[in-house]
Amino acid sequence: PLPSHYERCFGCGRDHPTGLHLVMEAD
């Protein structure tokens, strides 16, 4: 699993209300 770089990021942040909430892992 790879972490979000910033919790309010539109792409990966869990705390962005309308963001993508993208979850990624190293394969």
PDB file of all heavy atoms in Angstrom:
ATOM      1  N   PRO A   1       0.834  -1.209   0.000  1.00  0.00           N
ATOM      2  CA  PRO A   1       0.000   0.000   0.000  1.00  0.00           C
ATOM      3  C   PRO A   1       0.866   1.256   0.000  1.00  0.00           C
ATOM      4  O   PRO A   1       1.929   1.285   0.638  1.00  0.00           O
ATOM      5  CB  PRO A   1      -0.796  -0.096   1.298  1.00  0.00           C
ATOM      6  CG  PRO A   1      -0.665  -1.502   1.753  1.00  0.00           C
ATOM      7  CD  PRO A   1       0.616  -2.032   1.180  1.00  0.00           C
ATOM      8  N   LEU A   2       0.427   2.276  -0.731  1.00  0.00           N
ATOM      9  CA  LEU A   2       1.145   3.543  -0.789  1.00  0.00           C
ATOM     10  C   LEU A   2       0.279   4.627  -0.152  1.00  0.00           C
ATOM     11  O   LEU A   2      -0.929   4.676  -0.391  1.00  0.00           O
ATOM     12  CB  LEU A   2       1.472   3.905  -2.234  1.00  0.00           C
ATOM     13  CG  LEU A   2       2.414   2.929  -2.941  1.00  0.00           C
ATOM     14  CD1 LEU A   2       2.490   3.245  -4.423  1.00  0.00           C
ATOM     15  CD2 LEU A   2       3.789   2.951  -2.305  1.00  0.00           C
ATOM     16  N   PRO A   3       0.886   5.505   0.638  1.00  0.00           N
ATOM     17  CA  PRO A   3       0.099   6.522   1.338  1.00  0.00           C
ATOM     18  C   PRO A   3      -0.238   7.714   0.455  1.00  0.00           C
ATOM     19  O   PRO A   3       0.392   7.957  -0.578  1.00  0.00           O
ATOM     20  CB  PRO A   3       1.049   6.953   2.464  1.00  0.00           C
ATOM     21  CG  PRO A   3       2.405   6.762   1.883  1.00  0.00           C
ATOM     22  CD  PRO A   3       2.301   5.547   1.002  1.00  0.00           C
ATOM     23  N   SER A   4      -1.238   8.459   0.875  1.00  0.00           N
ATOM     24  CA  SER A   4      -1.541   9.755   0.272  1.00  0.00           C
ATOM     25  C   SER A   4      -0.412  10.710   0.652  1.00  0.00           C
ATOM     26  O   SER A   4       0.137  10.617   1.746  1.00  0.00           O
ATOM     27  CB  SER A   4      -2.865  10.276   0.821  1.00  0.00           C
ATOM     28  OG  SER A   4      -3.072  11.614   0.460  1.00  0.00           O
ATOM     29  N   HIS A   5      -0.069  11.616  -0.247  1.00  0.00           N
ATOM     30  CA  HIS A   5       0.977  12.586   0.094  1.00  0.00           C
ATOM     31  C   HIS A   5       0.411  13.770   0.861  1.00  0.00           C
ATOM     32  O   HIS A   5       1.146  14.505   1.519  1.00  0.00           O
ATOM     33  CB  HIS A   5       1.710  13.065  -1.171  1.00  0.00           C
ATOM     34  CG  HIS A   5       0.859  13.860  -2.089  1.00  0.00           C
ATOM     35  ND1 HIS A   5       0.813  15.223  -2.053  1.00  0.00           N
ATOM     36  CD2 HIS A   5       0.002  13.475  -3.060  1.00  0.00           C
ATOM     37  CE1 HIS A   5      -0.036  15.652  -2.966  1.00  0.00           C
ATOM     38  NE2 HIS A   5      -0.550  14.599  -3.592  1.00  0.00           N
ATOM     39  N   TYR A   6      -0.935  13.956   0.815  1.00  0.00           N
ATOM     40  CA  TYR A   6      -1.575  15.082   1.487  1.00  0.00           C
ATOM     41  C   TYR A   6      -3.063  14.757   1.593  1.00  0.00           C
ATOM     42  O   TYR A   6      -3.697  14.460   0.581  1.00  0.00           O
ATOM     43  CB  TYR A   6      -1.334  16.358   0.681  1.00  0.00           C
ATOM     44  CG  TYR A   6      -2.082  17.582   1.133  1.00  0.00           C
ATOM     45  CD1 TYR A   6      -1.976  18.053   2.432  1.00  0.00           C
ATOM     46  CD2 TYR A   6      -2.897  18.282   0.248  1.00  0.00           C
ATOM     47  CE1 TYR A   6      -2.652  19.180   2.840  1.00  0.00           C
ATOM     48  CE2 TYR A   6      -3.571  19.414   0.648  1.00  0.00           C
ATOM     49  CZ  TYR A   6      -3.453  19.856   1.944  1.00  0.00           C
ATOM     50  OH  TYR A   6      -4.134  20.978   2.350  1.00  0.00           O
ATOM     51  N   GLU A   7      -3.625  14.792   2.773  1.00  0.00           N
ATOM     52  CA  GLU A   7      -4.994  14.345   3.008  1.00  0.00           C
ATOM     53  C   GLU A   7      -6.067  15.199   2.333  1.00  0.00           C
ATOM     54  O   GLU A   7      -7.198  14.767   2.183  1.00  0.00           O
ATOM     55  CB  GLU A   7      -5.273  14.234   4.508  1.00  0.00           C
ATOM     56  CG  GLU A   7      -4.484  13.124   5.181  1.00  0.00           C
ATOM     57  CD  GLU A   7      -4.694  11.761   4.543  1.00  0.00           C
ATOM     58  OE1 GLU A   7      -5.836  11.406   4.204  1.00  0.00           O
ATOM     59  OE2 GLU A   7      -3.689  11.042   4.372  1.00  0.00           O
ATOM     60  N   ARG A   8      -5.733  16.424   1.893  1.00  0.00           N
ATOM     61  CA  ARG A   8      -6.715  17.273   1.204  1.00  0.00           C
ATOM     62  C   ARG A   8      -6.461  17.332  -0.301  1.00  0.00           C
ATOM     63  O   ARG A   8      -7.086  18.108  -1.013  1.00  0.00           O
ATOM     64  CB  ARG A   8      -6.732  18.676   1.800  1.00  0.00           C
ATOM     65  CG  ARG A   8      -7.091  18.663   3.250  1.00  0.00           C
ATOM     66  CD  ARG A   8      -8.240  19.459   3.776  1.00  0.00           C
ATOM     67  NE  ARG A   8      -8.897  20.408   2.942  1.00  0.00           N
ATOM     68  CZ  ARG A   8     -10.208  20.364   2.682  1.00  0.00           C
ATOM     69  NH1 ARG A   8     -10.952  19.401   3.174  1.00  0.00           N
ATOM     70  NH2 ARG A   8     -10.769  21.287   1.958  1.00  0.00           N
ATOM     71  N   CYS A   9      -5.574  16.491  -0.800  1.00  0.00           N
ATOM     72  CA  CYS A   9      -5.289  16.432  -2.237  1.00  0.00           C
ATOM     73  C   CYS A   9      -6.552  15.997  -2.986  1.00  0.00           C
ATOM     74  O   CYS A   9      -7.242  15.067  -2.570  1.00  0.00           O
ATOM     75  CB  CYS A   9      -4.151  15.436  -2.496  1.00  0.00           C
ATOM     76  SG  CYS A   9      -3.848  15.108  -4.244  1.00  0.00           S
ATOM     77  N   PHE A  10      -6.861  16.641  -4.117  1.00  0.00           N
ATOM     78  CA  PHE A  10      -8.016  16.268  -4.925  1.00  0.00           C
ATOM     79  C   PHE A  10      -7.904  14.831  -5.428  1.00  0.00           C
ATOM     80  O   PHE A  10      -8.896  14.115  -5.509  1.00  0.00           O
ATOM     81  CB  PHE A  10      -8.172  17.214  -6.123  1.00  0.00           C
ATOM     82  CG  PHE A  10      -9.269  16.785  -7.059  1.00  0.00           C
ATOM     83  CD1 PHE A  10     -10.599  17.015  -6.729  1.00  0.00           C
ATOM     84  CD2 PHE A  10      -8.980  16.140  -8.246  1.00  0.00           C
ATOM     85  CE1 PHE A  10     -11.618  16.598  -7.570  1.00  0.00           C
ATOM     86  CE2 PHE A  10      -9.994  15.725  -9.089  1.00  0.00           C
ATOM     87  CZ  PHE A  10     -11.315  15.954  -8.758  1.00  0.00           C
ATOM     88  N   GLY A  11      -6.699  14.392  -5.748  1.00  0.00           N
ATOM     89  CA  GLY A  11      -6.523  13.058  -6.303  1.00  0.00           C
ATOM     90  C   GLY A  11      -6.550  11.949  -5.281  1.00  0.00           C
ATOM     91  O   GLY A  11      -7.271  10.961  -5.427  1.00  0.00           O
ATOM     92  N   CYS A  12      -5.756  12.090  -4.208  1.00  0.00           N
ATOM     93  CA  CYS A  12      -5.578  10.961  -3.287  1.00  0.00           C
ATOM     94  C   CYS A  12      -5.986  11.257  -1.851  1.00  0.00           C
ATOM     95  O   CYS A  12      -5.956  10.349  -1.015  1.00  0.00           O
ATOM     96  CB  CYS A  12      -4.119  10.511  -3.303  1.00  0.00           C
ATOM     97  SG  CYS A  12      -2.959  11.773  -2.718  1.00  0.00           S
ATOM     98  N   GLY A  13      -6.387  12.469  -1.557  1.00  0.00           N
ATOM     99  CA  GLY A  13      -6.690  12.824  -0.174  1.00  0.00           C
ATOM    100  C   GLY A  13      -8.034  12.319   0.305  1.00  0.00           C
ATOM    101  O   GLY A  13      -9.053  12.515  -0.354  1.00  0.00           O
ATOM    102  N   ARG A  14      -8.024  11.670   1.444  1.00  0.00           N
ATOM    103  CA  ARG A  14      -9.277  11.171   2.027  1.00  0.00           C
ATOM    104  C   ARG A  14     -10.160  12.300   2.536  1.00  0.00           C
ATOM    105  O   ARG A  14     -11.370  12.137   2.652  1.00  0.00           O
ATOM    106  CB  ARG A  14      -8.974  10.220   3.183  1.00  0.00           C
ATOM    107  CG  ARG A  14      -8.439   8.883   2.722  1.00  0.00           C
ATOM    108  CD  ARG A  14      -8.122   8.020   3.895  1.00  0.00           C
ATOM    109  NE  ARG A  14      -6.926   8.592   4.520  1.00  0.00           N
ATOM    110  CZ  ARG A  14      -6.155   7.975   5.389  1.00  0.00           C
ATOM    111  NH1 ARG A  14      -6.474   6.777   5.778  1.00  0.00           N
ATOM    112  NH2 ARG A  14      -5.086   8.541   5.875  1.00  0.00           N
ATOM    113  N   ASP A  15      -9.556  13.448   2.867  1.00  0.00           N
ATOM    114  CA  ASP A  15     -10.315  14.543   3.461  1.00  0.00           C
ATOM    115  C   ASP A  15     -10.833  15.550   2.438  1.00  0.00           C
ATOM    116  O   ASP A  15     -11.433  16.546   2.824  1.00  0.00           O
ATOM    117  CB  ASP A  15      -9.452  15.274   4.497  1.00  0.00           C
ATOM    118  CG  ASP A  15      -9.132  14.395   5.696  1.00  0.00           C
ATOM    119  OD1 ASP A  15      -9.861  13.396   5.912  1.00  0.00           O
ATOM    120  OD2 ASP A  15      -8.155  14.688   6.401  1.00  0.00           O
ATOM    121  N   HIS A  16     -10.614  15.322   1.153  1.00  0.00           N
ATOM    122  CA  HIS A  16     -11.162  16.223   0.133  1.00  0.00           C
ATOM    123  C   HIS A  16     -12.607  15.797  -0.119  1.00  0.00           C
ATOM    124  O   HIS A  16     -12.861  14.658  -0.499  1.00  0.00           O
ATOM    125  CB  HIS A  16     -10.354  16.150  -1.159  1.00  0.00           C
ATOM    126  CG  HIS A  16     -10.672  17.259  -2.101  1.00  0.00           C
ATOM    127  ND1 HIS A  16     -11.878  17.350  -2.750  1.00  0.00           N
ATOM    128  CD2 HIS A  16      -9.948  18.332  -2.484  1.00  0.00           C
ATOM    129  CE1 HIS A  16     -11.892  18.429  -3.504  1.00  0.00           C
ATOM    130  NE2 HIS A  16     -10.727  19.042  -3.346  1.00  0.00           N
ATOM    131  N   PRO A  17     -13.572  16.704   0.081  1.00  0.00           N
ATOM    132  CA  PRO A  17     -14.978  16.284   0.033  1.00  0.00           C
ATOM    133  C   PRO A  17     -15.452  15.739  -1.321  1.00  0.00           C
ATOM    134  O   PRO A  17     -16.313  14.854  -1.356  1.00  0.00           O
ATOM    135  CB  PRO A  17     -15.749  17.545   0.413  1.00  0.00           C
ATOM    136  CG  PRO A  17     -14.801  18.670   0.205  1.00  0.00           C
ATOM    137  CD  PRO A  17     -13.418  18.113   0.385  1.00  0.00           C
ATOM    138  N   THR A  18     -14.917  16.228  -2.421  1.00  0.00           N
ATOM    139  CA  THR A  18     -15.372  15.760  -3.740  1.00  0.00           C
ATOM    140  C   THR A  18     -14.230  15.180  -4.565  1.00  0.00           C
ATOM    141  O   THR A  18     -14.359  15.006  -5.776  1.00  0.00           O
ATOM    142  CB  THR A  18     -16.040  16.900  -4.531  1.00  0.00           C
ATOM    143  OG1 THR A  18     -15.096  17.965  -4.689  1.00  0.00           O
ATOM    144  CG2 THR A  18     -17.291  17.403  -3.826  1.00  0.00           C
ATOM    145  N   GLY A  19     -13.122  14.869  -3.912  1.00  0.00           N
ATOM    146  CA  GLY A  19     -11.948  14.360  -4.618  1.00  0.00           C
ATOM    147  C   GLY A  19     -12.132  12.949  -5.142  1.00  0.00           C
ATOM    148  O   GLY A  19     -13.184  12.317  -4.972  1.00  0.00           O
ATOM    149  N   LEU A  20     -11.078  12.443  -5.769  1.00  0.00           N
ATOM    150  CA  LEU A  20     -11.102  11.106  -6.341  1.00  0.00           C
ATOM    151  C   LEU A  20     -10.944  10.025  -5.280  1.00  0.00           C
ATOM    152  O   LEU A  20     -11.388   8.901  -5.469  1.00  0.00           O
ATOM    153  CB  LEU A  20      -9.975  10.967  -7.370  1.00  0.00           C
ATOM    154  CG  LEU A  20      -9.977  11.978  -8.512  1.00  0.00           C
ATOM    155  CD1 LEU A  20      -8.801  11.710  -9.437  1.00  0.00           C
ATOM    156  CD2 LEU A  20     -11.289  11.949  -9.260  1.00  0.00           C
ATOM    157  N   HIS A  21     -10.265  10.353  -4.192  1.00  0.00           N
ATOM    158  CA  HIS A  21      -9.974   9.388  -3.131  1.00  0.00           C
ATOM    159  C   HIS A  21      -9.266   8.154  -3.703  1.00  0.00           C
ATOM    160  O   HIS A  21      -9.542   7.019  -3.322  1.00  0.00           O
ATOM    161  CB  HIS A  21     -11.239   8.995  -2.370  1.00  0.00           C
ATOM    162  CG  HIS A  21     -11.978  10.168  -1.819  1.00  0.00           C
ATOM    163  ND1 HIS A  21     -13.342  10.253  -1.837  1.00  0.00           N
ATOM    164  CD2 HIS A  21     -11.540  11.331  -1.272  1.00  0.00           C
ATOM    165  CE1 HIS A  21     -13.725  11.401  -1.322  1.00  0.00           C
ATOM    166  NE2 HIS A  21     -12.640  12.073  -0.956  1.00  0.00           N
ATOM    167  N   LEU A  22      -8.355   8.424  -4.635  1.00  0.00           N
ATOM    168  CA  LEU A  22      -7.594   7.370  -5.310  1.00  0.00           C
ATOM    169  C   LEU A  22      -6.738   6.613  -4.299  1.00  0.00           C
ATOM    170  O   LEU A  22      -6.051   7.213  -3.482  1.00  0.00           O
ATOM    171  CB  LEU A  22      -6.699   8.005  -6.376  1.00  0.00           C
ATOM    172  CG  LEU A  22      -5.895   7.098  -7.274  1.00  0.00           C
ATOM    173  CD1 LEU A  22      -6.823   6.215  -8.114  1.00  0.00           C
ATOM    174  CD2 LEU A  22      -5.023   7.931  -8.207  1.00  0.00           C
ATOM    175  N   VAL A  23      -6.816   5.297  -4.351  1.00  0.00           N
ATOM    176  CA  VAL A  23      -6.022   4.428  -3.480  1.00  0.00           C
ATOM    177  C   VAL A  23      -5.111   3.607  -4.384  1.00  0.00           C
ATOM    178  O   VAL A  23      -5.572   2.967  -5.328  1.00  0.00           O
ATOM    179  CB  VAL A  23      -6.934   3.498  -2.645  1.00  0.00           C
ATOM    180  CG1 VAL A  23      -6.108   2.520  -1.835  1.00  0.00           C
ATOM    181  CG2 VAL A  23      -7.843   4.323  -1.753  1.00  0.00           C
ATOM    182  N   MET A  24      -3.810   3.649  -4.106  1.00  0.00           N
ATOM    183  CA  MET A  24      -2.827   2.975  -4.954  1.00  0.00           C
ATOM    184  C   MET A  24      -1.920   2.081  -4.115  1.00  0.00           C
ATOM    185  O   MET A  24      -1.742   2.301  -2.922  1.00  0.00           O
ATOM    186  CB  MET A  24      -1.964   4.008  -5.694  1.00  0.00           C
ATOM    187  CG  MET A  24      -2.721   4.965  -6.598  1.00  0.00           C
ATOM    188  SD  MET A  24      -3.359   4.222  -8.110  1.00  0.00           S
ATOM    189  CE  MET A  24      -1.855   4.065  -9.073  1.00  0.00           C
ATOM    190  N   GLU A  25      -1.338   1.096  -4.808  1.00  0.00           N
ATOM    191  CA  GLU A  25      -0.351   0.227  -4.183  1.00  0.00           C
ATOM    192  C   GLU A  25       0.756  -0.059  -5.185  1.00  0.00           C
ATOM    193  O   GLU A  25       0.533  -0.018  -6.392  1.00  0.00           O
ATOM    194  CB  GLU A  25      -0.995  -1.087  -3.711  1.00  0.00           C
ATOM    195  CG  GLU A  25      -1.568  -1.926  -4.834  1.00  0.00           C
ATOM    196  CD  GLU A  25      -2.342  -3.136  -4.330  1.00  0.00           C
ATOM    197  OE1 GLU A  25      -2.757  -3.158  -3.160  1.00  0.00           O
ATOM    198  OE2 GLU A  25      -2.518  -4.064  -5.130  1.00  0.00           O
ATOM    199  N   ALA A  26       1.943  -0.325  -4.642  1.00  0.00           N
ATOM    200  CA  ALA A  26       3.057  -0.729  -5.497  1.00  0.00           C
ATOM    201  C   ALA A  26       2.838  -2.185  -5.862  1.00  0.00           C
ATOM    202  O   ALA A  26       2.625  -3.032  -4.997  1.00  0.00           O
ATOM    203  CB  ALA A  26       4.382  -0.550  -4.764  1.00  0.00           C
ATOM    204  N   ASP A  27       2.872  -2.448  -7.161  1.00  0.00           N
ATOM    205  CA  ASP A  27       2.679  -3.794  -7.700  1.00  0.00           C
ATOM    206  C   ASP A  27       4.020  -4.520  -7.849  1.00  0.00           C
ATOM    207  O   ASP A  27       4.082  -5.731  -7.828  1.00  0.00           O
ATOM    208  CB  ASP A  27       2.085  -3.649  -9.103  1.00  0.00           C
ATOM    209  CG  ASP A  27       0.788  -4.364  -9.282  1.00  0.00           C
ATOM    210  OD1 ASP A  27       0.269  -4.904  -8.311  1.00  0.00           O
ATOM    211  OD2 ASP A  27       0.306  -4.373 -10.425  1.00  0.00           O
TER     212      ASP A  27
END
